[in-house]
Amino acid sequence: MNKIILLVFTITLSSSLYAKDVKELFEKCSACHGDKAEEQAFGKSKIINTLSKEDIIKALKSYKDGTKDEVGLGRIMESQVYYLEENDMKDLAEYISTLK
């Protein structure tokens, strides 16, 4: 019985930590993309809540490695994604896809 309670507590705690972490990551995005990822950053970018998870991850990776410069936003995005790890990108893509 104690193992079940501990397991439930662990799952609850880890899911609430995930929600907090990904929301904190998204706060940087929301400054330009809107609270629901519904705005074009600087009036130039795609509306990211309309993209698939795969397209969001692909874009973040290409900004990080410097191969993408969508309508002149490359330098800005490079600095935003510099510290993101692949799992952060996946978490962000999952979160953004829920904001429609």
PDB file of N, CA and C in Angstrom:
ATOM      1  N   MET A   1       0.830  -1.200   0.000  1.00  0.00           N
ATOM      2  CA  MET A   1       0.000   0.000   0.000  1.00  0.00           C
ATOM      3  C   MET A   1       0.869   1.257   0.000  1.00  0.00           C
ATOM      4  N   ASN A   2       1.914   1.254   0.821  1.00  0.00           N
ATOM      5  CA  ASN A   2       2.800   2.418   0.879  1.00  0.00           C
ATOM      6  C   ASN A   2       3.495   2.662  -0.457  1.00  0.00           C
ATOM      7  N   LYS A   3       3.813   1.574  -1.188  1.00  0.00           N
ATOM      8  CA  LYS A   3       4.462   1.725  -2.488  1.00  0.00           C
ATOM      9  C   LYS A   3       3.521   2.397  -3.484  1.00  0.00           C
ATOM     10  N   ILE A   4       2.241   2.060  -3.413  1.00  0.00           N
ATOM     11  CA  ILE A   4       1.258   2.669  -4.309  1.00  0.00           C
ATOM     12  C   ILE A   4       1.113   4.148  -4.007  1.00  0.00           C
ATOM     13  N   ILE A   5       1.030   4.491  -2.736  1.00  0.00           N
ATOM     14  CA  ILE A   5       0.910   5.899  -2.343  1.00  0.00           C
ATOM     15  C   ILE A   5       2.149   6.675  -2.801  1.00  0.00           C
ATOM     16  N   LEU A   6       3.312   6.090  -2.601  1.00  0.00           N
ATOM     17  CA  LEU A   6       4.546   6.741  -3.024  1.00  0.00           C
ATOM     18  C   LEU A   6       4.580   6.920  -4.539  1.00  0.00           C
ATOM     19  N   LEU A   7       4.143   5.911  -5.284  1.00  0.00           N
ATOM     20  CA  LEU A   7       4.116   6.004  -6.737  1.00  0.00           C
ATOM     21  C   LEU A   7       3.170   7.110  -7.198  1.00  0.00           C
ATOM     22  N   VAL A   8       1.981   7.180  -6.632  1.00  0.00           N
ATOM     23  CA  VAL A   8       1.016   8.216  -6.988  1.00  0.00           C
ATOM     24  C   VAL A   8       1.577   9.599  -6.661  1.00  0.00           C
ATOM     25  N   PHE A   9       2.194   9.728  -5.500  1.00  0.00           N
ATOM     26  CA  PHE A   9       2.797  11.002  -5.102  1.00  0.00           C
ATOM     27  C   PHE A   9       3.899  11.404  -6.074  1.00  0.00           C
ATOM     28  N   THR A  10       4.740  10.456  -6.456  1.00  0.00           N
ATOM     29  CA  THR A  10       5.839  10.733  -7.379  1.00  0.00           C
ATOM     30  C   THR A  10       5.316  11.164  -8.745  1.00  0.00           C
ATOM     31  N   ILE A  11       4.322  10.474  -9.263  1.00  0.00           N
ATOM     32  CA  ILE A  11       3.745  10.832 -10.560  1.00  0.00           C
ATOM     33  C   ILE A  11       3.119  12.216 -10.495  1.00  0.00           C
ATOM     34  N   THR A  12       2.390  12.501  -9.441  1.00  0.00           N
ATOM     35  CA  THR A  12       1.759  13.811  -9.273  1.00  0.00           C
ATOM     36  C   THR A  12       2.800  14.914  -9.186  1.00  0.00           C
ATOM     37  N   LEU A  13       3.813  14.690  -8.401  1.00  0.00           N
ATOM     38  CA  LEU A  13       4.870  15.683  -8.230  1.00  0.00           C
ATOM     39  C   LEU A  13       5.612  15.917  -9.540  1.00  0.00           C
ATOM     40  N   SER A  14       5.981  14.843 -10.233  1.00  0.00           N
ATOM     41  CA  SER A  14       6.735  15.025 -11.471  1.00  0.00           C
ATOM     42  C   SER A  14       5.895  15.699 -12.542  1.00  0.00           C
ATOM     43  N   SER A  15       4.606  15.410 -12.613  1.00  0.00           N
ATOM     44  CA  SER A  15       3.777  16.069 -13.625  1.00  0.00           C
ATOM     45  C   SER A  15       3.579  17.541 -13.306  1.00  0.00           C
ATOM     46  N   SER A  16       3.501  17.895 -12.029  1.00  0.00           N
ATOM     47  CA  SER A  16       3.357  19.319 -11.697  1.00  0.00           C
ATOM     48  C   SER A  16       4.676  20.056 -11.912  1.00  0.00           C
ATOM     49  N   LEU A  17       5.806  19.384 -11.711  1.00  0.00           N
ATOM     50  CA  LEU A  17       7.093  20.008 -11.999  1.00  0.00           C
ATOM     51  C   LEU A  17       7.255  20.208 -13.496  1.00  0.00           C
ATOM     52  N   TYR A  18       6.828  19.231 -14.280  1.00  0.00           N
ATOM     53  CA  TYR A  18       6.883  19.361 -15.733  1.00  0.00           C
ATOM     54  C   TYR A  18       6.079  20.573 -16.171  1.00  0.00           C
ATOM     55  N   ALA A  19       4.856  20.694 -15.665  1.00  0.00           N
ATOM     56  CA  ALA A  19       3.989  21.803 -16.062  1.00  0.00           C
ATOM     57  C   ALA A  19       4.638  23.136 -15.716  1.00  0.00           C
ATOM     58  N   LYS A  20       5.241  23.208 -14.539  1.00  0.00           N
ATOM     59  CA  LYS A  20       5.883  24.454 -14.138  1.00  0.00           C
ATOM     60  C   LYS A  20       7.086  24.756 -15.033  1.00  0.00           C
ATOM     61  N   ASP A  21       7.906  23.761 -15.285  1.00  0.00           N
ATOM     62  CA  ASP A  21       9.106  23.974 -16.079  1.00  0.00           C
ATOM     63  C   ASP A  21       8.782  24.389 -17.505  1.00  0.00           C
ATOM     64  N   VAL A  22       7.856  23.688 -18.145  1.00  0.00           N
ATOM     65  CA  VAL A  22       7.549  24.012 -19.531  1.00  0.00           C
ATOM     66  C   VAL A  22       6.852  25.362 -19.632  1.00  0.00           C
ATOM     67  N   LYS A  23       6.042  25.700 -18.654  1.00  0.00           N
ATOM     68  CA  LYS A  23       5.402  27.022 -18.661  1.00  0.00           C
ATOM     69  C   LYS A  23       6.442  28.115 -18.488  1.00  0.00           C
ATOM     70  N   GLU A  24       7.441  27.857 -17.654  1.00  0.00           N
ATOM     71  CA  GLU A  24       8.518  28.828 -17.496  1.00  0.00           C
ATOM     72  C   GLU A  24       9.319  28.972 -18.789  1.00  0.00           C
ATOM     73  N   LEU A  25       9.572  27.854 -19.465  1.00  0.00           N
ATOM     74  CA  LEU A  25      10.254  27.915 -20.760  1.00  0.00           C
ATOM     75  C   LEU A  25       9.436  28.723 -21.757  1.00  0.00           C
ATOM     76  N   PHE A  26       8.130  28.498 -21.764  1.00  0.00           N
ATOM     77  CA  PHE A  26       7.270  29.172 -22.731  1.00  0.00           C
ATOM     78  C   PHE A  26       7.143  30.671 -22.462  1.00  0.00           C
ATOM     79  N   GLU A  27       7.362  31.119 -21.237  1.00  0.00           N
ATOM     80  CA  GLU A  27       7.268  32.552 -20.935  1.00  0.00           C
ATOM     81  C   GLU A  27       8.184  33.365 -21.856  1.00  0.00           C
ATOM     82  N   LYS A  28       9.360  32.842 -22.153  1.00  0.00           N
ATOM     83  CA  LYS A  28      10.263  33.539 -23.079  1.00  0.00           C
ATOM     84  C   LYS A  28       9.636  33.636 -24.463  1.00  0.00           C
ATOM     85  N   CYS A  29       8.951  32.583 -24.872  1.00  0.00           N
ATOM     86  CA  CYS A  29       8.304  32.556 -26.196  1.00  0.00           C
ATOM     87  C   CYS A  29       7.134  33.536 -26.247  1.00  0.00           C
ATOM     88  N   SER A  30       6.371  33.560 -25.170  1.00  0.00           N
ATOM     89  CA  SER A  30       5.135  34.340 -25.164  1.00  0.00           C
ATOM     90  C   SER A  30       5.380  35.840 -25.276  1.00  0.00           C
ATOM     91  N   ALA A  31       6.563  36.287 -24.911  1.00  0.00           N
ATOM     92  CA  ALA A  31       6.872  37.713 -25.032  1.00  0.00           C
ATOM     93  C   ALA A  31       6.709  38.198 -26.472  1.00  0.00           C
ATOM     94  N   CYS A  32       7.046  37.347 -27.432  1.00  0.00           N
ATOM     95  CA  CYS A  32       6.934  37.720 -28.848  1.00  0.00           C
ATOM     96  C   CYS A  32       5.796  36.993 -29.564  1.00  0.00           C
ATOM     97  N   HIS A  33       5.495  35.771 -29.135  1.00  0.00           N
ATOM     98  CA  HIS A  33       4.509  34.948 -29.839  1.00  0.00           C
ATOM     99  C   HIS A  33       3.112  34.990 -29.217  1.00  0.00           C
ATOM    100  N   GLY A  34       2.945  35.690 -28.091  1.00  0.00           N
ATOM    101  CA  GLY A  34       1.647  35.789 -27.440  1.00  0.00           C
ATOM    102  C   GLY A  34       1.422  34.700 -26.407  1.00  0.00           C
ATOM    103  N   ASP A  35       0.508  34.968 -25.492  1.00  0.00           N
ATOM    104  CA  ASP A  35       0.240  34.041 -24.390  1.00  0.00           C
ATOM    105  C   ASP A  35      -0.262  32.683 -24.850  1.00  0.00           C
ATOM    106  N   LYS A  36      -0.891  32.635 -25.994  1.00  0.00           N
ATOM    107  CA  LYS A  36      -1.409  31.376 -26.549  1.00  0.00           C
ATOM    108  C   LYS A  36      -0.659  30.997 -27.824  1.00  0.00           C
ATOM    109  N   ALA A  37       0.504  31.596 -28.037  1.00  0.00           N
ATOM    110  CA  ALA A  37       1.325  31.352 -29.233  1.00  0.00           C
ATOM    111  C   ALA A  37       0.549  31.667 -30.503  1.00  0.00           C
ATOM    112  N   GLU A  38      -0.337  32.669 -30.396  1.00  0.00           N
ATOM    113  CA  GLU A  38      -1.273  32.999 -31.473  1.00  0.00           C
ATOM    114  C   GLU A  38      -0.851  34.219 -32.285  1.00  0.00           C
ATOM    115  N   GLU A  39       0.300  34.790 -31.997  1.00  0.00           N
ATOM    116  CA  GLU A  39       0.718  36.018 -32.675  1.00  0.00           C
ATOM    117  C   GLU A  39       1.969  35.776 -33.519  1.00  0.00           C
ATOM    118  N   GLN A  40       2.114  36.576 -34.560  1.00  0.00           N
ATOM    119  CA  GLN A  40       3.334  36.562 -35.344  1.00  0.00           C
ATOM    120  C   GLN A  40       4.380  37.379 -34.581  1.00  0.00           C
ATOM    121  N   ALA A  41       5.519  36.795 -34.311  1.00  0.00           N
ATOM    122  CA  ALA A  41       6.585  37.537 -33.646  1.00  0.00           C
ATOM    123  C   ALA A  41       7.048  38.655 -34.570  1.00  0.00           C
ATOM    124  N   PHE A  42       7.046  39.866 -34.060  1.00  0.00           N
ATOM    125  CA  PHE A  42       7.456  41.053 -34.804  1.00  0.00           C
ATOM    126  C   PHE A  42       6.675  41.209 -36.110  1.00  0.00           C
ATOM    127  N   GLY A  43       5.488  40.620 -36.148  1.00  0.00           N
ATOM    128  CA  GLY A  43       4.655  40.698 -37.342  1.00  0.00           C
ATOM    129  C   GLY A  43       5.229  39.948 -38.529  1.00  0.00           C
ATOM    130  N   LYS A  44       6.200  39.062 -38.295  1.00  0.00           N
ATOM    131  CA  LYS A  44       6.903  38.389 -39.384  1.00  0.00           C
ATOM    132  C   LYS A  44       6.827  36.866 -39.331  1.00  0.00           C
ATOM    133  N   SER A  45       6.823  36.284 -38.148  1.00  0.00           N
ATOM    134  CA  SER A  45       6.955  34.830 -38.041  1.00  0.00           C
ATOM    135  C   SER A  45       5.643  34.116 -38.339  1.00  0.00           C
ATOM    136  N   LYS A  46       5.745  32.809 -38.409  1.00  0.00           N
ATOM    137  CA  LYS A  46       4.541  31.991 -38.505  1.00  0.00           C
ATOM    138  C   LYS A  46       3.845  32.023 -37.146  1.00  0.00           C
ATOM    139  N   ILE A  47       2.565  31.755 -37.138  1.00  0.00           N
ATOM    140  CA  ILE A  47       1.831  31.621 -35.877  1.00  0.00           C
ATOM    141  C   ILE A  47       2.116  30.210 -35.385  1.00  0.00           C
ATOM    142  N   ILE A  48       2.881  30.116 -34.310  1.00  0.00           N
ATOM    143  CA  ILE A  48       3.448  28.821 -33.940  1.00  0.00           C
ATOM    144  C   ILE A  48       2.435  27.830 -33.378  1.00  0.00           C
ATOM    145  N   ASN A  49       1.293  28.294 -32.892  1.00  0.00           N
ATOM    146  CA  ASN A  49       0.325  27.316 -32.380  1.00  0.00           C
ATOM    147  C   ASN A  49      -0.417  26.601 -33.502  1.00  0.00           C
ATOM    148  N   THR A  50      -0.130  26.976 -34.749  1.00  0.00           N
ATOM    149  CA  THR A  50      -0.726  26.282 -35.899  1.00  0.00           C
ATOM    150  C   THR A  50       0.223  25.233 -36.468  1.00  0.00           C
ATOM    151  N   LEU A  51       1.443  25.188 -35.969  1.00  0.00           N
ATOM    152  CA  LEU A  51       2.439  24.245 -36.468  1.00  0.00           C
ATOM    153  C   LEU A  51       2.311  22.897 -35.778  1.00  0.00           C
ATOM    154  N   SER A  52       2.731  21.852 -36.458  1.00  0.00           N
ATOM    155  CA  SER A  52       2.770  20.528 -35.831  1.00  0.00           C
ATOM    156  C   SER A  52       3.915  20.490 -34.824  1.00  0.00           C
ATOM    157  N   LYS A  53       3.854  19.539 -33.906  1.00  0.00           N
ATOM    158  CA  LYS A  53       4.937  19.371 -32.932  1.00  0.00           C
ATOM    159  C   LYS A  53       6.268  19.148 -33.651  1.00  0.00           C
ATOM    160  N   GLU A  54       6.220  18.333 -34.690  1.00  0.00           N
ATOM    161  CA  GLU A  54       7.434  18.028 -35.441  1.00  0.00           C
ATOM    162  C   GLU A  54       8.019  19.281 -36.093  1.00  0.00           C
ATOM    163  N   ASP A  55       7.151  20.135 -36.641  1.00  0.00           N
ATOM    164  CA  ASP A  55       7.631  21.372 -37.271  1.00  0.00           C
ATOM    165  C   ASP A  55       8.196  22.348 -36.242  1.00  0.00           C
ATOM    166  N   ILE A  56       7.602  22.380 -35.056  1.00  0.00           N
ATOM    167  CA  ILE A  56       8.133  23.253 -33.995  1.00  0.00           C
ATOM    168  C   ILE A  56       9.520  22.786 -33.583  1.00  0.00           C
ATOM    169  N   ILE A  57       9.673  21.492 -33.368  1.00  0.00           N
ATOM    170  CA  ILE A  57      10.975  20.942 -32.974  1.00  0.00           C
ATOM    171  C   ILE A  57      12.009  21.195 -34.073  1.00  0.00           C
ATOM    172  N   LYS A  58      11.639  20.945 -35.306  1.00  0.00           N
ATOM    173  CA  LYS A  58      12.544  21.161 -36.441  1.00  0.00           C
ATOM    174  C   LYS A  58      12.990  22.626 -36.513  1.00  0.00           C
ATOM    175  N   ALA A  59      12.051  23.544 -36.330  1.00  0.00           N
ATOM    176  CA  ALA A  59      12.389  24.970 -36.370  1.00  0.00           C
ATOM    177  C   ALA A  59      13.318  25.344 -35.221  1.00  0.00           C
ATOM    178  N   LEU A  60      13.011  24.878 -34.014  1.00  0.00           N
ATOM    179  CA  LEU A  60      13.865  25.201 -32.862  1.00  0.00           C
ATOM    180  C   LEU A  60      15.280  24.677 -33.062  1.00  0.00           C
ATOM    181  N   LYS A  61      15.390  23.452 -33.562  1.00  0.00           N
ATOM    182  CA  LYS A  61      16.720  22.877 -33.812  1.00  0.00           C
ATOM    183  C   LYS A  61      17.472  23.679 -34.862  1.00  0.00           C
ATOM    184  N   SER A  62      16.784  24.091 -35.910  1.00  0.00           N
ATOM    185  CA  SER A  62      17.479  24.833 -36.969  1.00  0.00           C
ATOM    186  C   SER A  62      17.871  26.236 -36.511  1.00  0.00           C
ATOM    187  N   TYR A  63      17.068  26.834 -35.640  1.00  0.00           N
ATOM    188  CA  TYR A  63      17.490  28.123 -35.073  1.00  0.00           C
ATOM    189  C   TYR A  63      18.717  27.924 -34.191  1.00  0.00           C
ATOM    190  N   LYS A  64      18.717  26.838 -33.418  1.00  0.00           N
ATOM    191  CA  LYS A  64      19.837  26.599 -32.511  1.00  0.00           C
ATOM    192  C   LYS A  64      21.136  26.352 -33.277  1.00  0.00           C
ATOM    193  N   ASP A  65      21.060  25.604 -34.381  1.00  0.00           N
ATOM    194  CA  ASP A  65      22.294  25.331 -35.126  1.00  0.00           C
ATOM    195  C   ASP A  65      22.613  26.402 -36.165  1.00  0.00           C
ATOM    196  N   GLY A  66      21.766  27.446 -36.228  1.00  0.00           N
ATOM    197  CA  GLY A  66      22.054  28.594 -37.082  1.00  0.00           C
ATOM    198  C   GLY A  66      21.720  28.412 -38.547  1.00  0.00           C
ATOM    199  N   THR A  67      20.959  27.376 -38.886  1.00  0.00           N
ATOM    200  CA  THR A  67      20.637  27.135 -40.298  1.00  0.00           C
ATOM    201  C   THR A  67      19.318  27.758 -40.725  1.00  0.00           C
ATOM    202  N   LYS A  68      18.576  28.349 -39.808  1.00  0.00           N
ATOM    203  CA  LYS A  68      17.279  28.933 -40.158  1.00  0.00           C
ATOM    204  C   LYS A  68      17.300  30.423 -39.841  1.00  0.00           C
ATOM    205  N   ASP A  69      16.807  31.202 -40.780  1.00  0.00           N
ATOM    206  CA  ASP A  69      16.668  32.630 -40.553  1.00  0.00           C
ATOM    207  C   ASP A  69      15.356  33.066 -41.188  1.00  0.00           C
ATOM    208  N   GLU A  70      14.271  32.672 -40.557  1.00  0.00           N
ATOM    209  CA  GLU A  70      12.944  32.992 -41.074  1.00  0.00           C
ATOM    210  C   GLU A  70      12.715  34.492 -41.018  1.00  0.00           C
ATOM    211  N   VAL A  71      12.580  35.081 -42.143  1.00  0.00           N
ATOM    212  CA  VAL A  71      12.293  36.515 -42.306  1.00  0.00           C
ATOM    213  C   VAL A  71      13.093  37.408 -41.358  1.00  0.00           C
ATOM    214  N   GLY A  72      14.387  37.104 -41.228  1.00  0.00           N
ATOM    215  CA  GLY A  72      15.258  37.969 -40.450  1.00  0.00           C
ATOM    216  C   GLY A  72      15.183  37.804 -38.943  1.00  0.00           C
ATOM    217  N   LEU A  73      14.611  36.713 -38.468  1.00  0.00           N
ATOM    218  CA  LEU A  73      14.484  36.507 -37.026  1.00  0.00           C
ATOM    219  C   LEU A  73      15.548  35.557 -36.466  1.00  0.00           C
ATOM    220  N   GLY A  74      16.464  35.118 -37.307  1.00  0.00           N
ATOM    221  CA  GLY A  74      17.458  34.125 -36.910  1.00  0.00           C
ATOM    222  C   GLY A  74      18.261  34.487 -35.679  1.00  0.00           C
ATOM    223  N   ARG A  75      18.847  35.657 -35.652  1.00  0.00           N
ATOM    224  CA  ARG A  75      19.688  36.062 -34.512  1.00  0.00           C
ATOM    225  C   ARG A  75      18.892  36.114 -33.210  1.00  0.00           C
ATOM    226  N   ILE A  76      17.693  36.628 -33.285  1.00  0.00           N
ATOM    227  CA  ILE A  76      16.848  36.707 -32.085  1.00  0.00           C
ATOM    228  C   ILE A  76      16.541  35.299 -31.580  1.00  0.00           C
ATOM    229  N   MET A  77      16.126  34.439 -32.486  1.00  0.00           N
ATOM    230  CA  MET A  77      15.761  33.078 -32.088  1.00  0.00           C
ATOM    231  C   MET A  77      16.978  32.271 -31.648  1.00  0.00           C
ATOM    232  N   GLU A  78      18.121  32.477 -32.279  1.00  0.00           N
ATOM    233  CA  GLU A  78      19.336  31.774 -31.857  1.00  0.00           C
ATOM    234  C   GLU A  78      19.629  32.045 -30.393  1.00  0.00           C
ATOM    235  N   SER A  79      19.472  33.292 -29.980  1.00  0.00           N
ATOM    236  CA  SER A  79      19.741  33.625 -28.580  1.00  0.00           C
ATOM    237  C   SER A  79      18.679  33.042 -27.649  1.00  0.00           C
ATOM    238  N   GLN A  80      17.466  32.871 -28.137  1.00  0.00           N
ATOM    239  CA  GLN A  80      16.388  32.326 -27.308  1.00  0.00           C
ATOM    240  C   GLN A  80      16.524  30.812 -27.111  1.00  0.00           C
ATOM    241  N   VAL A  81      17.026  30.121 -28.101  1.00  0.00           N
ATOM    242  CA  VAL A  81      17.092  28.658 -28.026  1.00  0.00           C
ATOM    243  C   VAL A  81      18.480  28.140 -27.647  1.00  0.00           C
ATOM    244  N   TYR A  82      19.415  29.018 -27.448  1.00  0.00           N
ATOM    245  CA  TYR A  82      20.805  28.634 -27.199  1.00  0.00           C
ATOM    246  C   TYR A  82      20.943  27.581 -26.105  1.00  0.00           C
ATOM    247  N   TYR A  83      20.237  27.743 -25.000  1.00  0.00           N
ATOM    248  CA  TYR A  83      20.385  26.839 -23.858  1.00  0.00           C
ATOM    249  C   TYR A  83      19.380  25.688 -23.858  1.00  0.00           C
ATOM    250  N   LEU A  84      18.521  25.618 -24.852  1.00  0.00           N
ATOM    251  CA  LEU A  84      17.533  24.547 -24.887  1.00  0.00           C
ATOM    252  C   LEU A  84      18.176  23.225 -25.285  1.00  0.00           C
ATOM    253  N   GLU A  85      17.821  22.189 -24.554  1.00  0.00           N
ATOM    254  CA  GLU A  85      18.216  20.830 -24.914  1.00  0.00           C
ATOM    255  C   GLU A  85      17.093  20.230 -25.751  1.00  0.00           C
ATOM    256  N   GLU A  86      17.352  19.105 -26.370  1.00  0.00           N
ATOM    257  CA  GLU A  86      16.341  18.481 -27.229  1.00  0.00           C
ATOM    258  C   GLU A  86      15.062  18.159 -26.455  1.00  0.00           C
ATOM    259  N   ASN A  87      15.195  17.690 -25.213  1.00  0.00           N
ATOM    260  CA  ASN A  87      13.991  17.390 -24.425  1.00  0.00           C
ATOM    261  C   ASN A  87      13.194  18.656 -24.110  1.00  0.00           C
ATOM    262  N   ASP A  88      13.869  19.798 -23.945  1.00  0.00           N
ATOM    263  CA  ASP A  88      13.167  21.071 -23.746  1.00  0.00           C
ATOM    264  C   ASP A  88      12.362  21.425 -24.994  1.00  0.00           C
ATOM    265  N   MET A  89      12.963  21.204 -26.144  1.00  0.00           N
ATOM    266  CA  MET A  89      12.283  21.500 -27.412  1.00  0.00           C
ATOM    267  C   MET A  89      11.044  20.623 -27.572  1.00  0.00           C
ATOM    268  N   LYS A  90      11.167  19.364 -27.221  1.00  0.00           N
ATOM    269  CA  LYS A  90      10.027  18.451 -27.305  1.00  0.00           C
ATOM    270  C   LYS A  90       8.925  18.879 -26.339  1.00  0.00           C
ATOM    271  N   ASP A  91       9.320  19.251 -25.124  1.00  0.00           N
ATOM    272  CA  ASP A  91       8.340  19.715 -24.136  1.00  0.00           C
ATOM    273  C   ASP A  91       7.627  20.974 -24.617  1.00  0.00           C
ATOM    274  N   LEU A  92       8.390  21.916 -25.164  1.00  0.00           N
ATOM    275  CA  LEU A  92       7.790  23.151 -25.681  1.00  0.00           C
ATOM    276  C   LEU A  92       6.824  22.852 -26.826  1.00  0.00           C
ATOM    277  N   ALA A  93       7.232  21.985 -27.735  1.00  0.00           N
ATOM    278  CA  ALA A  93       6.367  21.639 -28.870  1.00  0.00           C
ATOM    279  C   ALA A  93       5.071  21.008 -28.381  1.00  0.00           C
ATOM    280  N   GLU A  94       5.171  20.134 -27.407  1.00  0.00           N
ATOM    281  CA  GLU A  94       3.972  19.502 -26.843  1.00  0.00           C
ATOM    282  C   GLU A  94       3.072  20.552 -26.202  1.00  0.00           C
ATOM    283  N   TYR A  95       3.656  21.449 -25.425  1.00  0.00           N
ATOM    284  CA  TYR A  95       2.899  22.481 -24.738  1.00  0.00           C
ATOM    285  C   TYR A  95       2.234  23.448 -25.735  1.00  0.00           C
ATOM    286  N   ILE A  96       3.003  23.904 -26.708  1.00  0.00           N
ATOM    287  CA  ILE A  96       2.474  24.857 -27.692  1.00  0.00           C
ATOM    288  C   ILE A  96       1.305  24.244 -28.453  1.00  0.00           C
ATOM    289  N   SER A  97       1.385  22.948 -28.711  1.00  0.00           N
ATOM    290  CA  SER A  97       0.303  22.291 -29.460  1.00  0.00           C
ATOM    291  C   SER A  97      -1.001  22.248 -28.673  1.00  0.00           C
ATOM    292  N   THR A  98      -0.955  22.496 -27.370  1.00  0.00           N
ATOM    293  CA  THR A  98      -2.180  22.513 -26.554  1.00  0.00           C
ATOM    294  C   THR A  98      -2.809  23.907 -26.473  1.00  0.00           C
ATOM    295  N   LEU A  99      -2.168  24.905 -27.035  1.00  0.00           N
ATOM    296  CA  LEU A  99      -2.596  26.290 -26.857  1.00  0.00           C
ATOM    297  C   LEU A  99      -3.577  26.796 -27.907  1.00  0.00           C
ATOM    298  N   LYS A 100      -4.082  25.947 -28.728  1.00  0.00           N
ATOM    299  CA  LYS A 100      -4.987  26.382 -29.807  1.00  0.00           C
ATOM    300  C   LYS A 100      -6.310  26.852 -29.297  1.00  0.00           C
TER     301      LYS A 100
END
